Amino acid sequence: MRRHHFRCVWAIFVISGACLFAACGGKAEAVRAAEPHLASFSKLRLRALELLELRSDIERKRLLVAAMENPDQPVPENLEPVLAQMKTQRIELTPQDVEQRDAVFWRMLDAAFLDDPAVIQGEISFIESDGAVSVFRHPRESELPAGVKWFGLRQQRTFAGLAKCLKETGSEPCVIVQLRPREYAGSAGLTVAFRRP
């Protein structure tokens, strides 16, 4: 009976050790795969902030166009002085102007991720004032892999995980680096899938 009990305890110990080793090994592999891309990720993080500023400017102009076309259309209080100044100075702003800026935004977003040939996919997320999350992806219709096991990196709110990224030509092993947004409006996140070195 004691021998049977000992075997059970030993089996549990071996299985637990194996699981722990696998978890540690998975983290080490993910961190090692992410390491060569962290400098590029930091640059993309700054580019993402610039892109979000441009996006905010486009949304403000969209609201101003709507208000100029429809005087009964309310605008946020912070835009009322801008609208009044535009009317006083007779500054014109059309839906076409906004669409052109929107096209520029998407070209700049694509260019940001295409600068690094190791990037397969990228995604910028932003928590809006109403709590909704806006997502901007490169390529536009791509989906990042689901079910990724994340491991924390030294950088705050930054994680790495291993996956297979789907492309038109098939799948490719990749390492995904993710900066998670804080849980409040105005916070941004960035997720980038890199080719495995």
C-alpha atoms as a PDB file:
ATOM      1  CA  MET A   1       0.000   0.000   0.000  1.00  0.00           C
ATOM      2  CA  ARG A   2       2.821   2.359   0.915  1.00  0.00           C
ATOM      3  CA  ARG A   3       4.637   1.437  -2.295  1.00  0.00           C
ATOM      4  CA  HIS A   4       1.511   2.268  -4.322  1.00  0.00           C
ATOM      5  CA  HIS A   5       1.168   5.593  -2.482  1.00  0.00           C
ATOM      6  CA  PHE A   6       4.838   6.370  -3.150  1.00  0.00           C
ATOM      7  CA  ARG A   7       4.399   5.631  -6.868  1.00  0.00           C
ATOM      8  CA  CYS A   8       1.397   7.993  -7.057  1.00  0.00           C
ATOM      9  CA  VAL A   9       3.288  10.781  -5.305  1.00  0.00           C
ATOM     10  CA  TRP A  10       6.313  10.202  -7.529  1.00  0.00           C
ATOM     11  CA  ALA A  11       4.140  10.245 -10.685  1.00  0.00           C
ATOM     12  CA  ILE A  12       2.509  13.515  -9.617  1.00  0.00           C
ATOM     13  CA  PHE A  13       5.938  14.990  -8.896  1.00  0.00           C
ATOM     14  CA  VAL A  14       7.308  13.964 -12.298  1.00  0.00           C
ATOM     15  CA  ILE A  15       4.240  15.270 -14.174  1.00  0.00           C
ATOM     16  CA  SER A  16       4.313  18.576 -12.268  1.00  0.00           C
ATOM     17  CA  GLY A  17       8.006  18.940 -12.955  1.00  0.00           C
ATOM     18  CA  ALA A  18       7.493  18.245 -16.638  1.00  0.00           C
ATOM     19  CA  CYS A  19       4.689  20.817 -16.845  1.00  0.00           C
ATOM     20  CA  LEU A  20       6.780  23.400 -15.023  1.00  0.00           C
ATOM     21  CA  PHE A  21       9.753  22.712 -17.305  1.00  0.00           C
ATOM     22  CA  ALA A  22       7.546  23.031 -20.392  1.00  0.00           C
ATOM     23  CA  ALA A  23       6.115  26.323 -19.148  1.00  0.00           C
ATOM     24  CA  CYS A  24       9.569  27.713 -18.373  1.00  0.00           C
ATOM     25  CA  GLY A  25      10.870  26.398 -21.664  1.00  0.00           C
ATOM     26  CA  GLY A  26       7.972  28.025 -23.535  1.00  0.00           C
ATOM     27  CA  LYS A  27       8.645  31.365 -21.883  1.00  0.00           C
ATOM     28  CA  ALA A  28      12.371  31.180 -22.604  1.00  0.00           C
ATOM     29  CA  GLU A  29      11.682  30.358 -26.257  1.00  0.00           C
ATOM     30  CA  ALA A  30       9.150  33.184 -26.643  1.00  0.00           C
ATOM     31  CA  VAL A  31      11.425  35.734 -24.952  1.00  0.00           C
ATOM     32  CA  ARG A  32      14.408  34.587 -27.031  1.00  0.00           C
ATOM     33  CA  ALA A  33      12.377  34.842 -30.253  1.00  0.00           C
ATOM     34  CA  ALA A  34      11.070  38.303 -29.343  1.00  0.00           C
ATOM     35  CA  GLU A  35      14.426  39.768 -28.290  1.00  0.00           C
ATOM     36  CA  PRO A  36      15.739  40.676 -31.788  1.00  0.00           C
ATOM     37  CA  HIS A  37      12.515  42.569 -32.561  1.00  0.00           C
ATOM     38  CA  LEU A  38      12.118  44.705 -29.431  1.00  0.00           C
ATOM     39  CA  ALA A  39      13.970  47.714 -30.871  1.00  0.00           C
ATOM     40  CA  SER A  40      11.739  47.646 -33.948  1.00  0.00           C
ATOM     41  CA  PHE A  41       8.683  47.250 -31.706  1.00  0.00           C
ATOM     42  CA  SER A  42       9.671  50.369 -29.728  1.00  0.00           C
ATOM     43  CA  LYS A  43       9.911  52.390 -32.949  1.00  0.00           C
ATOM     44  CA  LEU A  44       6.529  51.074 -34.082  1.00  0.00           C
ATOM     45  CA  ARG A  45       5.076  52.076 -30.726  1.00  0.00           C
ATOM     46  CA  LEU A  46       6.095  55.711 -31.351  1.00  0.00           C
ATOM     47  CA  ARG A  47       4.763  55.566 -34.907  1.00  0.00           C
ATOM     48  CA  ALA A  48       1.484  54.167 -33.575  1.00  0.00           C
ATOM     49  CA  LEU A  49       1.083  57.159 -31.239  1.00  0.00           C
ATOM     50  CA  GLU A  50       1.680  59.540 -34.152  1.00  0.00           C
ATOM     51  CA  LEU A  51      -0.874  57.673 -36.243  1.00  0.00           C
ATOM     52  CA  LEU A  52      -3.456  57.845 -33.460  1.00  0.00           C
ATOM     53  CA  GLU A  53      -2.940  61.611 -33.216  1.00  0.00           C
ATOM     54  CA  LEU A  54      -3.585  61.849 -36.950  1.00  0.00           C
ATOM     55  CA  ARG A  55      -6.659  59.639 -36.550  1.00  0.00           C
ATOM     56  CA  SER A  56      -8.014  61.888 -33.783  1.00  0.00           C
ATOM     57  CA  ASP A  57      -7.522  64.930 -36.014  1.00  0.00           C
ATOM     58  CA  ILE A  58      -9.445  63.193 -38.829  1.00  0.00           C
ATOM     59  CA  GLU A  59     -12.330  62.373 -36.474  1.00  0.00           C
ATOM     60  CA  ARG A  60     -12.442  65.990 -35.248  1.00  0.00           C
ATOM     61  CA  LYS A  61     -12.596  67.234 -38.828  1.00  0.00           C
ATOM     62  CA  ARG A  62     -15.318  64.715 -39.601  1.00  0.00           C
ATOM     63  CA  LEU A  63     -17.418  66.185 -36.774  1.00  0.00           C
ATOM     64  CA  LEU A  64     -16.733  69.727 -37.991  1.00  0.00           C
ATOM     65  CA  VAL A  65     -17.793  68.861 -41.545  1.00  0.00           C
ATOM     66  CA  ALA A  66     -21.043  67.367 -40.248  1.00  0.00           C
ATOM     67  CA  ALA A  67     -21.708  70.504 -38.182  1.00  0.00           C
ATOM     68  CA  MET A  68     -20.963  72.826 -41.127  1.00  0.00           C
ATOM     69  CA  GLU A  69     -23.285  70.885 -43.416  1.00  0.00           C
ATOM     70  CA  ASN A  70     -26.019  70.718 -40.780  1.00  0.00           C
ATOM     71  CA  PRO A  71     -26.135  73.708 -38.394  1.00  0.00           C
ATOM     72  CA  ASP A  72     -28.452  71.768 -36.074  1.00  0.00           C
ATOM     73  CA  GLN A  73     -25.805  69.068 -35.676  1.00  0.00           C
ATOM     74  CA  PRO A  74     -24.302  69.409 -32.172  1.00  0.00           C
ATOM     75  CA  VAL A  75     -20.524  69.341 -31.756  1.00  0.00           C
ATOM     76  CA  PRO A  76     -18.450  68.589 -28.634  1.00  0.00           C
ATOM     77  CA  GLU A  77     -17.846  71.667 -26.479  1.00  0.00           C
ATOM     78  CA  ASN A  78     -14.108  71.632 -27.175  1.00  0.00           C
ATOM     79  CA  LEU A  79     -14.796  71.984 -30.923  1.00  0.00           C
ATOM     80  CA  GLU A  80     -17.268  74.877 -30.652  1.00  0.00           C
ATOM     81  CA  PRO A  81     -14.525  77.593 -30.657  1.00  0.00           C
ATOM     82  CA  VAL A  82     -12.851  75.891 -33.640  1.00  0.00           C
ATOM     83  CA  LEU A  83     -16.140  75.790 -35.554  1.00  0.00           C
ATOM     84  CA  ALA A  84     -16.837  79.447 -34.729  1.00  0.00           C
ATOM     85  CA  GLN A  85     -13.357  80.452 -35.921  1.00  0.00           C
ATOM     86  CA  MET A  86     -13.766  78.493 -39.156  1.00  0.00           C
ATOM     87  CA  LYS A  87     -17.059  80.260 -39.857  1.00  0.00           C
ATOM     88  CA  THR A  88     -15.559  83.678 -39.055  1.00  0.00           C
ATOM     89  CA  GLN A  89     -12.539  83.117 -41.298  1.00  0.00           C
ATOM     90  CA  ARG A  90     -14.653  81.312 -43.906  1.00  0.00           C
ATOM     91  CA  ILE A  91     -12.430  78.268 -43.847  1.00  0.00           C
ATOM     92  CA  GLU A  92     -13.859  75.527 -46.009  1.00  0.00           C
ATOM     93  CA  LEU A  93     -13.704  71.874 -45.069  1.00  0.00           C
ATOM     94  CA  THR A  94     -15.431  69.239 -47.186  1.00  0.00           C
ATOM     95  CA  PRO A  95     -16.120  65.505 -46.844  1.00  0.00           C
ATOM     96  CA  GLN A  96     -13.604  64.993 -49.666  1.00  0.00           C
ATOM     97  CA  ASP A  97     -10.905  66.685 -47.553  1.00  0.00           C
ATOM     98  CA  VAL A  98     -11.643  64.282 -44.718  1.00  0.00           C
ATOM     99  CA  GLU A  99     -11.593  61.248 -47.031  1.00  0.00           C
ATOM    100  CA  GLN A 100      -8.228  62.331 -48.439  1.00  0.00           C
ATOM    101  CA  ARG A 101      -6.809  62.579 -44.924  1.00  0.00           C
ATOM    102  CA  ASP A 102      -8.276  59.174 -44.118  1.00  0.00           C
ATOM    103  CA  ALA A 103      -6.515  57.691 -47.163  1.00  0.00           C
ATOM    104  CA  VAL A 104      -3.254  59.292 -45.998  1.00  0.00           C
ATOM    105  CA  PHE A 105      -3.727  57.715 -42.565  1.00  0.00           C
ATOM    106  CA  TRP A 106      -4.010  54.207 -44.033  1.00  0.00           C
ATOM    107  CA  ARG A 107      -1.001  54.739 -46.312  1.00  0.00           C
ATOM    108  CA  MET A 108       1.055  55.888 -43.333  1.00  0.00           C
ATOM    109  CA  LEU A 109      -0.120  52.932 -41.250  1.00  0.00           C
ATOM    110  CA  ASP A 110       0.887  50.469 -43.968  1.00  0.00           C
ATOM    111  CA  ALA A 111       4.232  52.229 -44.430  1.00  0.00           C
ATOM    112  CA  ALA A 112       4.955  52.041 -40.691  1.00  0.00           C
ATOM    113  CA  PHE A 113       4.650  48.264 -40.632  1.00  0.00           C
ATOM    114  CA  LEU A 114       6.277  47.739 -44.051  1.00  0.00           C
ATOM    115  CA  ASP A 115       9.445  49.528 -42.910  1.00  0.00           C
ATOM    116  CA  ASP A 116      10.538  46.327 -41.160  1.00  0.00           C
ATOM    117  CA  PRO A 117      10.615  43.306 -43.515  1.00  0.00           C
ATOM    118  CA  ALA A 118      10.338  41.011 -40.481  1.00  0.00           C
ATOM    119  CA  VAL A 119       6.786  42.249 -39.769  1.00  0.00           C
ATOM    120  CA  ILE A 120       3.999  39.944 -40.945  1.00  0.00           C
ATOM    121  CA  GLN A 121       1.007  41.658 -39.336  1.00  0.00           C
ATOM    122  CA  GLY A 122       0.323  44.606 -37.080  1.00  0.00           C
ATOM    123  CA  GLU A 123      -2.578  45.992 -35.082  1.00  0.00           C
ATOM    124  CA  ILE A 124      -3.102  49.266 -33.228  1.00  0.00           C
ATOM    125  CA  SER A 125      -5.938  49.414 -30.704  1.00  0.00           C
ATOM    126  CA  PHE A 126      -7.418  52.477 -29.031  1.00  0.00           C
ATOM    127  CA  ILE A 127     -10.026  52.789 -26.268  1.00  0.00           C
ATOM    128  CA  GLU A 128     -12.532  55.477 -27.242  1.00  0.00           C
ATOM    129  CA  SER A 129     -14.220  57.871 -24.799  1.00  0.00           C
ATOM    130  CA  ASP A 130     -17.355  55.696 -24.759  1.00  0.00           C
ATOM    131  CA  GLY A 131     -15.339  52.564 -23.939  1.00  0.00           C
ATOM    132  CA  ALA A 132     -15.508  51.107 -27.448  1.00  0.00           C
ATOM    133  CA  VAL A 133     -12.243  49.764 -28.871  1.00  0.00           C
ATOM    134  CA  SER A 134     -11.138  50.906 -32.327  1.00  0.00           C
ATOM    135  CA  VAL A 135      -8.730  48.605 -34.147  1.00  0.00           C
ATOM    136  CA  PHE A 136      -6.500  49.479 -37.108  1.00  0.00           C
ATOM    137  CA  ARG A 137      -4.817  46.544 -38.841  1.00  0.00           C
ATOM    138  CA  HIS A 138      -2.098  45.887 -41.383  1.00  0.00           C
ATOM    139  CA  PRO A 139      -2.876  44.223 -43.707  1.00  0.00           C
ATOM    140  CA  ARG A 140      -6.366  45.738 -43.463  1.00  0.00           C
ATOM    141  CA  GLU A 141      -8.361  42.469 -43.499  1.00  0.00           C
ATOM    142  CA  SER A 142      -5.882  40.367 -41.510  1.00  0.00           C
ATOM    143  CA  GLU A 143      -6.601  38.654 -38.196  1.00  0.00           C
ATOM    144  CA  LEU A 144      -3.918  37.999 -35.618  1.00  0.00           C
ATOM    145  CA  PRO A 145      -3.669  34.407 -34.348  1.00  0.00           C
ATOM    146  CA  ALA A 146      -6.027  33.494 -31.499  1.00  0.00           C
ATOM    147  CA  GLY A 147      -5.273  31.359 -28.448  1.00  0.00           C
ATOM    148  CA  VAL A 148      -1.724  32.638 -28.016  1.00  0.00           C
ATOM    149  CA  LYS A 149      -0.026  31.777 -24.723  1.00  0.00           C
ATOM    150  CA  TRP A 150       1.465  35.040 -23.490  1.00  0.00           C
ATOM    151  CA  PHE A 151       4.604  35.525 -21.418  1.00  0.00           C
ATOM    152  CA  GLY A 152       5.497  38.818 -19.738  1.00  0.00           C
ATOM    153  CA  LEU A 153       8.579  40.747 -20.853  1.00  0.00           C
ATOM    154  CA  ARG A 154      10.623  43.206 -18.817  1.00  0.00           C
ATOM    155  CA  GLN A 155       8.887  46.172 -20.428  1.00  0.00           C
ATOM    156  CA  GLN A 156       5.720  47.233 -18.626  1.00  0.00           C
ATOM    157  CA  ARG A 157       2.463  45.804 -20.059  1.00  0.00           C
ATOM    158  CA  THR A 158       4.446  44.058 -22.813  1.00  0.00           C
ATOM    159  CA  PHE A 159       4.085  40.360 -23.623  1.00  0.00           C
ATOM    160  CA  ALA A 160       5.371  37.842 -26.170  1.00  0.00           C
ATOM    161  CA  GLY A 161       3.940  34.616 -27.526  1.00  0.00           C
ATOM    162  CA  LEU A 162       4.633  32.081 -30.250  1.00  0.00           C
ATOM    163  CA  ALA A 163       2.119  31.253 -32.973  1.00  0.00           C
ATOM    164  CA  LYS A 164       1.600  30.489 -36.636  1.00  0.00           C
ATOM    165  CA  CYS A 165       0.513  33.477 -38.696  1.00  0.00           C
ATOM    166  CA  LEU A 166      -1.806  32.883 -41.633  1.00  0.00           C
ATOM    167  CA  LYS A 167      -0.855  34.452 -44.954  1.00  0.00           C
ATOM    168  CA  GLU A 168      -2.184  34.171 -48.477  1.00  0.00           C
ATOM    169  CA  THR A 169       0.577  31.682 -49.251  1.00  0.00           C
ATOM    170  CA  GLY A 170      -0.050  29.580 -46.124  1.00  0.00           C
ATOM    171  CA  SER A 171       1.087  29.764 -42.505  1.00  0.00           C
ATOM    172  CA  GLU A 172       4.404  30.868 -41.093  1.00  0.00           C
ATOM    173  CA  PRO A 173       5.907  30.524 -37.588  1.00  0.00           C
ATOM    174  CA  CYS A 174       5.907  33.898 -35.886  1.00  0.00           C
ATOM    175  CA  VAL A 175       6.551  35.591 -32.576  1.00  0.00           C
ATOM    176  CA  ILE A 176       3.969  38.140 -31.458  1.00  0.00           C
ATOM    177  CA  VAL A 177       4.873  41.104 -29.271  1.00  0.00           C
ATOM    178  CA  GLN A 178       1.997  42.911 -27.599  1.00  0.00           C
ATOM    179  CA  LEU A 179       1.704  46.140 -25.633  1.00  0.00           C
ATOM    180  CA  ARG A 180      -1.627  46.050 -23.822  1.00  0.00           C
ATOM    181  CA  PRO A 181      -3.625  49.239 -23.315  1.00  0.00           C
ATOM    182  CA  ARG A 182      -4.456  50.462 -19.855  1.00  0.00           C
ATOM    183  CA  GLU A 183      -8.088  49.998 -18.884  1.00  0.00           C
ATOM    184  CA  TYR A 184      -9.338  53.509 -19.503  1.00  0.00           C
ATOM    185  CA  ALA A 185     -10.381  55.754 -22.382  1.00  0.00           C
ATOM    186  CA  GLY A 186      -7.554  57.249 -24.409  1.00  0.00           C
ATOM    187  CA  SER A 187      -5.214  54.325 -23.821  1.00  0.00           C
ATOM    188  CA  ALA A 188      -3.631  52.559 -26.783  1.00  0.00           C
ATOM    189  CA  GLY A 189      -2.231  49.114 -27.482  1.00  0.00           C
ATOM    190  CA  LEU A 190       0.010  47.634 -30.154  1.00  0.00           C
ATOM    191  CA  THR A 191       0.370  44.050 -31.357  1.00  0.00           C
ATOM    192  CA  VAL A 192       2.958  43.035 -33.962  1.00  0.00           C
ATOM    193  CA  ALA A 193       3.665  39.616 -35.462  1.00  0.00           C
ATOM    194  CA  PHE A 194       7.276  39.129 -36.523  1.00  0.00           C
ATOM    195  CA  ARG A 195       8.880  36.343 -38.521  1.00  0.00           C
ATOM    196  CA  ARG A 196      10.747  33.901 -36.327  1.00  0.00           C
ATOM    197  CA  PRO A 197      14.508  34.518 -36.481  1.00  0.00           C
END
